[in-house]
Amino acid sequence: MISREQLEKNQVWLYAFVLIIAAGFGLLWPDSSENLDRMISFVLAILMYGMFAQIPFFRLKEALANRKFIYALLITNYLVVPVLVWGLTRFLPNDPAILLGVLLVLLTPCIDYVIVFTHLGRGNEKLILVSTPILFVTQMLLLPVYLWLFMGKTAAEIVSVGPFLEAFLGLIVVPLVLALLTQWWSRRQPLGERFLDATAWLPVPFMALTLFVVVASQISKLYTSFDSIIQVIPVYAAYMAIIPIIARIVSRIFRLDTGAGRALIFSAGTRNSLVVLPFALALPEPLNGVASAVIVTQTIVELIGELLYIRLVPKVLLRDTEVPN
């Protein structure tokens, strides 16, 4: 039987395989794939719970122990990244759905599989793990601010408060509360600890299932939004090419060690696509189709980019022989 460690280590290839199968399913059986729309919220909710359950919310003190890394992490993700995203979005057409989709996904740092990618790229994944509560809280607080700064009144005009609030409560708040209760239980009873350990199996298979459901149900929208997809791919590719170099500079400024520097690079390069997808799906028609297609496209580009990251970051960008100046 495959171990959880083996499953996590090979998750990139699993996701790539699932993406191919999902695309084929959606193209061959479009009528059946449309019914998968109804499953997205349910599958996402379980995925969110599984991911939140692994975030060490009760270890914030430990996260704050390495303040130098936390400062570098926050500055990179919430000052450097927004400036880069602002510059890259200048090349996009004046289409609110495209812009909102790109902003949603690029302005939110990943809080789940970035840990595994950091490990595969020989970075200090423990630093990322203990930092995830801070990243989650800060991105939820800052995302509305960034949308207002980047889009102004346009964001308020196209975002319906009701569906957004429903998505936030059902797919973020409820799974988060359940995850916190699970962690609280695990700290008090052995049964709770065993249950929490069992939830560690949820993220990878449910990430794969989420990718299948989303891609299979949205593949037709990718075709109908082909013009939009073509325009965002260069932006995503440019982001993944530029941000590691900038993050490397920030790590040097803060004199981070090699493991921490690599962790910073992976955090800056890996985005939170599946967490913000519910917000895109909550948009009114036809904006939700374009915005969700734009976000799904980022996931595909990112998975390809991560395969390059895990090889180039430790061998080229930040080698073991390098030490902070």
Protein backbone atom coordinates (compact mmCIF):
# COMPACT_ATOMS: atom_id res chain seq x y z
CA MET A 1 0.00 0.00 0.00
CA ILE A 2 1.31 3.45 -0.89
CA SER A 3 2.35 5.61 2.05
CA ARG A 4 1.21 9.17 2.54
CA GLU A 5 4.77 10.39 2.04
CA GLN A 6 4.98 8.59 -1.33
CA LEU A 7 1.61 10.01 -2.35
CA GLU A 8 2.71 13.54 -1.49
CA LYS A 9 6.08 13.11 -3.18
CA ASN A 10 4.43 12.04 -6.45
CA GLN A 11 1.46 14.39 -6.30
CA VAL A 12 2.69 16.60 -9.14
CA TRP A 13 2.58 13.68 -11.57
CA LEU A 14 -0.78 12.61 -10.16
CA TYR A 15 -2.21 16.07 -10.81
CA ALA A 16 -0.77 16.14 -14.33
CA PHE A 17 -2.36 12.74 -15.07
CA VAL A 18 -5.70 13.87 -13.62
CA LEU A 19 -5.64 17.06 -15.70
CA ILE A 20 -5.21 15.04 -18.90
CA ILE A 21 -7.99 12.60 -17.96
CA ALA A 22 -10.30 15.43 -16.91
CA ALA A 23 -9.74 17.36 -20.13
CA GLY A 24 -10.45 14.24 -22.19
CA PHE A 25 -13.58 13.44 -20.18
CA GLY A 26 -14.89 16.98 -20.51
CA LEU A 27 -14.32 17.03 -24.28
CA LEU A 28 -15.69 13.55 -24.99
CA TRP A 29 -18.73 13.74 -22.71
CA PRO A 30 -19.61 17.44 -22.43
CA ASP A 31 -23.18 16.75 -21.29
CA SER A 32 -22.02 14.56 -18.42
CA SER A 33 -19.24 16.93 -17.43
CA GLU A 34 -21.68 19.80 -17.04
CA ASN A 35 -23.34 17.88 -14.20
CA LEU A 36 -20.03 18.00 -12.34
CA ASP A 37 -20.66 21.70 -11.71
CA ARG A 38 -22.91 20.68 -8.83
CA MET A 39 -20.08 18.74 -7.18
CA ILE A 40 -17.52 21.55 -7.18
CA SER A 41 -18.64 23.21 -3.94
CA PHE A 42 -18.91 19.91 -2.05
CA VAL A 43 -15.50 18.64 -3.17
CA LEU A 44 -13.88 22.02 -2.56
CA ALA A 45 -15.32 22.18 0.96
CA ILE A 46 -13.76 18.82 1.87
CA LEU A 47 -10.46 19.88 0.28
CA MET A 48 -10.49 23.14 2.25
CA TYR A 49 -11.14 21.25 5.48
CA GLY A 50 -8.32 18.83 4.74
CA MET A 51 -5.91 21.68 3.97
CA PHE A 52 -6.95 23.81 6.94
CA ALA A 53 -6.64 20.83 9.28
CA GLN A 54 -2.93 20.60 8.36
CA ILE A 55 -2.26 24.29 9.02
CA PRO A 56 -0.73 24.61 12.52
CA PHE A 57 -2.99 27.39 13.78
CA PHE A 58 -1.99 26.67 17.38
CA ARG A 59 1.70 27.10 16.57
CA LEU A 60 1.68 30.81 15.75
CA LYS A 61 4.30 31.44 18.43
CA GLU A 62 6.63 29.02 16.67
CA ALA A 63 6.01 30.76 13.35
CA LEU A 64 6.91 34.13 14.82
CA ALA A 65 10.17 32.76 16.22
CA ASN A 66 11.95 33.24 12.88
CA ARG A 67 10.95 36.87 12.44
CA LYS A 68 13.51 37.53 9.75
CA PHE A 69 11.89 34.95 7.48
CA ILE A 70 8.37 36.16 8.33
CA TYR A 71 9.30 39.74 7.45
CA ALA A 72 10.81 38.60 4.15
CA LEU A 73 7.76 36.42 3.45
CA LEU A 74 5.24 39.21 4.09
CA ILE A 75 7.20 41.85 2.19
CA THR A 76 7.64 39.57 -0.81
CA ASN A 77 4.03 38.36 -0.98
CA TYR A 78 2.26 41.60 -0.09
CA LEU A 79 4.52 44.36 -1.39
CA VAL A 80 6.78 42.93 -4.09
CA VAL A 81 4.24 40.57 -5.68
CA PRO A 82 1.45 43.20 -5.98
CA VAL A 83 3.84 45.60 -7.70
CA LEU A 84 4.89 42.91 -10.17
CA VAL A 85 1.27 41.86 -10.74
CA TRP A 86 0.26 45.47 -11.34
CA GLY A 87 2.97 45.77 -13.98
CA LEU A 88 2.08 42.50 -15.70
CA THR A 89 -1.65 43.26 -15.79
CA ARG A 90 -0.92 46.42 -17.80
CA PHE A 91 -0.52 44.05 -20.76
CA LEU A 92 -4.00 42.56 -20.34
CA PRO A 93 -7.10 43.82 -22.16
CA ASN A 94 -9.55 46.01 -20.30
CA ASP A 95 -11.82 43.08 -19.47
CA PRO A 96 -13.06 43.00 -15.84
CA ALA A 97 -13.53 39.21 -15.79
CA ILE A 98 -10.00 38.52 -17.04
CA LEU A 99 -8.44 41.09 -14.72
CA LEU A 100 -10.38 39.91 -11.68
CA GLY A 101 -9.46 36.28 -12.32
CA VAL A 102 -5.76 37.13 -12.67
CA LEU A 103 -5.77 39.33 -9.57
CA LEU A 104 -7.59 36.77 -7.45
CA VAL A 105 -5.07 34.07 -8.22
CA LEU A 106 -1.79 36.00 -8.38
CA LEU A 107 -2.32 38.10 -5.25
CA THR A 108 -2.90 35.14 -2.92
CA PRO A 109 0.07 32.99 -1.79
CA CYS A 110 -0.44 29.23 -1.64
CA ILE A 111 -1.04 27.59 1.74
CA ASP A 112 -1.14 23.92 0.79
CA TYR A 113 0.97 22.13 -1.82
CA VAL A 114 3.66 24.83 -1.66
CA ILE A 115 4.92 22.88 1.37
CA VAL A 116 5.54 19.77 -0.72
CA PHE A 117 7.05 21.72 -3.61
CA THR A 118 9.40 23.47 -1.18
CA HIS A 119 10.49 20.08 0.16
CA LEU A 120 11.04 18.71 -3.36
CA GLY A 121 13.05 21.85 -4.17
CA ARG A 122 15.23 21.22 -1.10
CA GLY A 123 13.91 24.24 0.76
CA ASN A 124 12.95 24.52 4.42
CA GLU A 125 9.35 23.33 4.20
CA LYS A 126 8.92 23.57 7.98
CA LEU A 127 9.23 27.35 7.77
CA ILE A 128 6.45 27.41 5.19
CA LEU A 129 4.32 25.03 7.25
CA VAL A 130 4.39 27.11 10.42
CA SER A 131 3.88 30.30 8.39
CA THR A 132 0.67 29.14 6.70
CA PRO A 133 -1.68 30.55 9.39
CA ILE A 134 -0.15 34.00 8.93
CA LEU A 135 -0.36 33.74 5.13
CA PHE A 136 -3.98 32.60 5.23
CA VAL A 137 -5.20 35.34 7.58
CA THR A 138 -3.27 38.12 5.86
CA GLN A 139 -4.40 37.21 2.35
CA MET A 140 -8.06 37.07 3.39
CA LEU A 141 -7.71 40.52 4.95
CA LEU A 142 -5.68 42.11 2.16
CA LEU A 143 -7.35 40.65 -0.94
CA PRO A 144 -10.36 43.04 -0.84
CA VAL A 145 -7.96 45.95 -0.37
CA TYR A 146 -5.88 44.94 -3.39
CA LEU A 147 -8.96 44.42 -5.56
CA TRP A 148 -10.12 47.92 -4.68
CA LEU A 149 -6.66 49.39 -5.38
CA PHE A 150 -6.31 47.59 -8.72
CA MET A 151 -9.89 47.81 -10.01
CA GLY A 152 -11.59 50.55 -8.01
CA LYS A 153 -15.35 50.79 -8.44
CA THR A 154 -15.30 48.13 -11.16
CA ALA A 155 -14.68 45.40 -8.59
CA ALA A 156 -17.69 46.51 -6.54
CA GLU A 157 -19.86 46.66 -9.67
CA ILE A 158 -19.19 43.09 -10.83
CA VAL A 159 -18.94 41.40 -7.43
CA SER A 160 -22.30 40.43 -5.94
CA VAL A 161 -22.01 40.48 -2.16
CA GLY A 162 -24.54 37.67 -1.60
CA PRO A 163 -22.87 34.90 -3.65
CA PHE A 164 -19.41 36.00 -2.51
CA LEU A 165 -20.48 35.88 1.13
CA GLU A 166 -22.10 32.49 0.60
CA ALA A 167 -18.93 31.11 -1.00
CA PHE A 168 -16.76 32.60 1.75
CA LEU A 169 -18.90 31.17 4.54
CA GLY A 170 -19.49 27.75 2.99
CA LEU A 171 -16.06 27.11 1.51
CA ILE A 172 -13.75 29.05 3.83
CA VAL A 173 -15.33 29.79 7.21
CA VAL A 174 -17.15 26.48 7.84
CA PRO A 175 -14.18 24.24 6.85
CA LEU A 176 -11.86 26.53 8.83
CA VAL A 177 -13.97 26.31 11.99
CA LEU A 178 -14.23 22.52 11.67
CA ALA A 179 -10.45 22.30 11.18
CA LEU A 180 -9.83 24.45 14.26
CA LEU A 181 -12.18 22.27 16.30
CA THR A 182 -10.37 19.17 15.04
CA GLN A 183 -7.00 20.59 16.08
CA TRP A 184 -8.39 21.62 19.46
CA TRP A 185 -9.77 18.08 19.93
CA SER A 186 -6.43 16.54 18.93
CA ARG A 187 -4.65 18.49 21.67
CA ARG A 188 -6.94 17.04 24.33
CA GLN A 189 -7.77 13.45 23.41
CA PRO A 190 -5.83 10.60 21.74
CA LEU A 191 -8.83 9.86 19.52
CA GLY A 192 -8.77 13.46 18.32
CA GLU A 193 -5.06 13.16 17.57
CA ARG A 194 -5.64 10.01 15.52
CA PHE A 195 -8.50 11.68 13.68
CA LEU A 196 -6.31 14.69 12.85
CA ASP A 197 -3.59 12.34 11.57
CA ALA A 198 -6.20 10.68 9.34
CA THR A 199 -7.18 14.05 7.83
CA ALA A 200 -3.61 14.37 6.53
CA TRP A 201 -4.65 11.89 3.81
CA LEU A 202 -7.35 14.23 2.49
CA PRO A 203 -5.45 17.04 0.67
CA VAL A 204 -3.74 15.10 -2.14
CA PRO A 205 -6.64 12.87 -3.28
CA PHE A 206 -9.16 15.67 -2.89
CA MET A 207 -6.87 18.09 -4.70
CA ALA A 208 -6.79 15.56 -7.54
CA LEU A 209 -10.57 15.11 -7.37
CA THR A 210 -11.08 18.88 -7.30
CA LEU A 211 -8.85 19.32 -10.35
CA PHE A 212 -10.81 16.61 -12.15
CA VAL A 213 -14.21 18.07 -11.31
CA VAL A 214 -13.16 21.64 -12.08
CA VAL A 215 -11.32 20.93 -15.34
CA ALA A 216 -13.87 18.41 -16.65
CA SER A 217 -16.75 20.80 -15.95
CA GLN A 218 -14.95 23.96 -17.09
CA ILE A 219 -13.06 22.68 -20.16
CA SER A 220 -15.82 23.87 -22.46
CA LYS A 221 -15.48 27.32 -20.91
CA LEU A 222 -11.77 27.20 -21.67
CA TYR A 223 -12.69 26.77 -25.33
CA THR A 224 -15.32 29.50 -25.31
CA SER A 225 -12.86 31.74 -23.43
CA PHE A 226 -9.94 30.81 -25.69
CA ASP A 227 -9.12 34.43 -26.55
CA SER A 228 -8.90 35.23 -22.84
CA ILE A 229 -6.74 32.19 -22.11
CA ILE A 230 -4.24 33.07 -24.82
CA GLN A 231 -3.78 36.52 -23.29
CA VAL A 232 -3.22 35.40 -19.70
CA ILE A 233 -0.77 32.56 -20.37
CA PRO A 234 2.17 34.93 -21.14
CA VAL A 235 1.37 36.89 -17.97
CA TYR A 236 1.43 33.73 -15.84
CA ALA A 237 4.61 32.51 -17.51
CA ALA A 238 6.29 35.89 -17.02
CA TYR A 239 5.26 35.92 -13.37
CA MET A 240 6.77 32.49 -12.74
CA ALA A 241 9.97 33.50 -14.53
CA ILE A 242 10.45 36.87 -12.81
CA ILE A 243 9.32 36.34 -9.22
CA PRO A 244 11.98 33.74 -8.25
CA ILE A 245 14.72 36.19 -9.17
CA ILE A 246 13.13 38.97 -7.12
CA ALA A 247 12.54 36.62 -4.19
CA ARG A 248 16.20 35.59 -4.39
CA ILE A 249 17.18 39.25 -4.06
CA VAL A 250 14.88 39.70 -1.06
CA SER A 251 16.34 36.61 0.61
CA ARG A 252 19.79 38.09 0.13
CA ILE A 253 18.73 41.42 1.62
CA PHE A 254 17.38 39.63 4.70
CA ARG A 255 20.42 37.33 4.81
CA LEU A 256 18.31 34.17 4.87
CA ASP A 257 20.05 30.82 4.88
CA THR A 258 19.80 28.58 1.82
CA GLY A 259 16.79 26.56 3.01
CA ALA A 260 14.85 29.66 4.04
CA GLY A 261 15.74 31.43 0.80
CA ARG A 262 14.41 28.55 -1.27
CA ALA A 263 11.26 28.48 0.86
CA LEU A 264 10.75 32.17 0.13
CA ILE A 265 11.16 31.57 -3.61
CA PHE A 266 8.58 28.78 -3.62
CA SER A 267 6.11 30.82 -1.58
CA ALA A 268 6.43 33.75 -3.95
CA GLY A 269 6.03 31.57 -7.03
CA THR A 270 3.16 29.33 -5.87
CA ARG A 271 -0.34 30.80 -5.82
CA ASN A 272 -3.61 29.91 -4.11
CA SER A 273 -5.74 29.07 -7.15
CA LEU A 274 -8.14 26.53 -5.67
CA VAL A 275 -8.85 28.61 -2.55
CA VAL A 276 -9.93 31.63 -4.63
CA LEU A 277 -11.77 29.58 -7.27
CA PRO A 278 -15.04 29.68 -5.26
CA PHE A 279 -14.96 33.48 -5.46
CA ALA A 280 -14.69 33.32 -9.25
CA LEU A 281 -17.51 30.79 -9.48
CA ALA A 282 -19.66 33.13 -7.35
CA LEU A 283 -19.50 35.87 -10.00
CA PRO A 284 -22.59 36.47 -12.14
CA GLU A 285 -22.88 34.94 -15.61
CA PRO A 286 -21.02 35.17 -17.96
CA LEU A 287 -18.19 36.64 -15.89
CA ASN A 288 -17.82 33.52 -13.74
CA GLY A 289 -17.03 31.36 -16.77
CA VAL A 290 -14.20 33.61 -17.94
CA ALA A 291 -12.79 34.26 -14.45
CA SER A 292 -12.83 30.57 -13.48
CA ALA A 293 -11.21 29.61 -16.80
CA VAL A 294 -8.49 32.18 -16.17
CA ILE A 295 -7.83 30.72 -12.70
CA VAL A 296 -7.82 27.10 -13.89
CA THR A 297 -5.33 28.10 -16.59
CA GLN A 298 -3.03 29.48 -13.90
CA THR A 299 -3.13 26.13 -12.10
CA ILE A 300 -2.01 24.32 -15.25
CA VAL A 301 0.77 26.82 -15.97
CA GLU A 302 1.88 26.69 -12.35
CA LEU A 303 2.16 22.90 -12.23
CA ILE A 304 4.43 23.00 -15.27
CA GLY A 305 6.43 25.80 -13.68
CA GLU A 306 6.81 23.92 -10.40
CA LEU A 307 8.43 21.00 -12.22
CA LEU A 308 11.06 23.48 -13.40
CA TYR A 309 11.31 25.16 -9.99
CA ILE A 310 12.14 21.97 -8.10
CA ARG A 311 15.11 21.44 -10.41
CA LEU A 312 16.33 24.97 -11.12
CA VAL A 313 15.95 26.57 -7.68
CA PRO A 314 18.42 24.28 -5.85
CA LYS A 315 20.75 23.74 -8.82
CA VAL A 316 20.87 27.19 -10.40
CA LEU A 317 19.13 29.97 -8.49
CA LEU A 318 20.17 29.15 -4.92
CA ARG A 319 22.78 26.43 -4.71
CA ASP A 320 23.97 24.71 -1.54
CA THR A 321 27.38 26.34 -1.81
CA GLU A 322 25.90 29.82 -1.62
CA VAL A 323 25.89 31.66 1.69
CA PRO A 324 24.24 35.00 2.52
CA ASN A 325 26.48 38.02 2.16
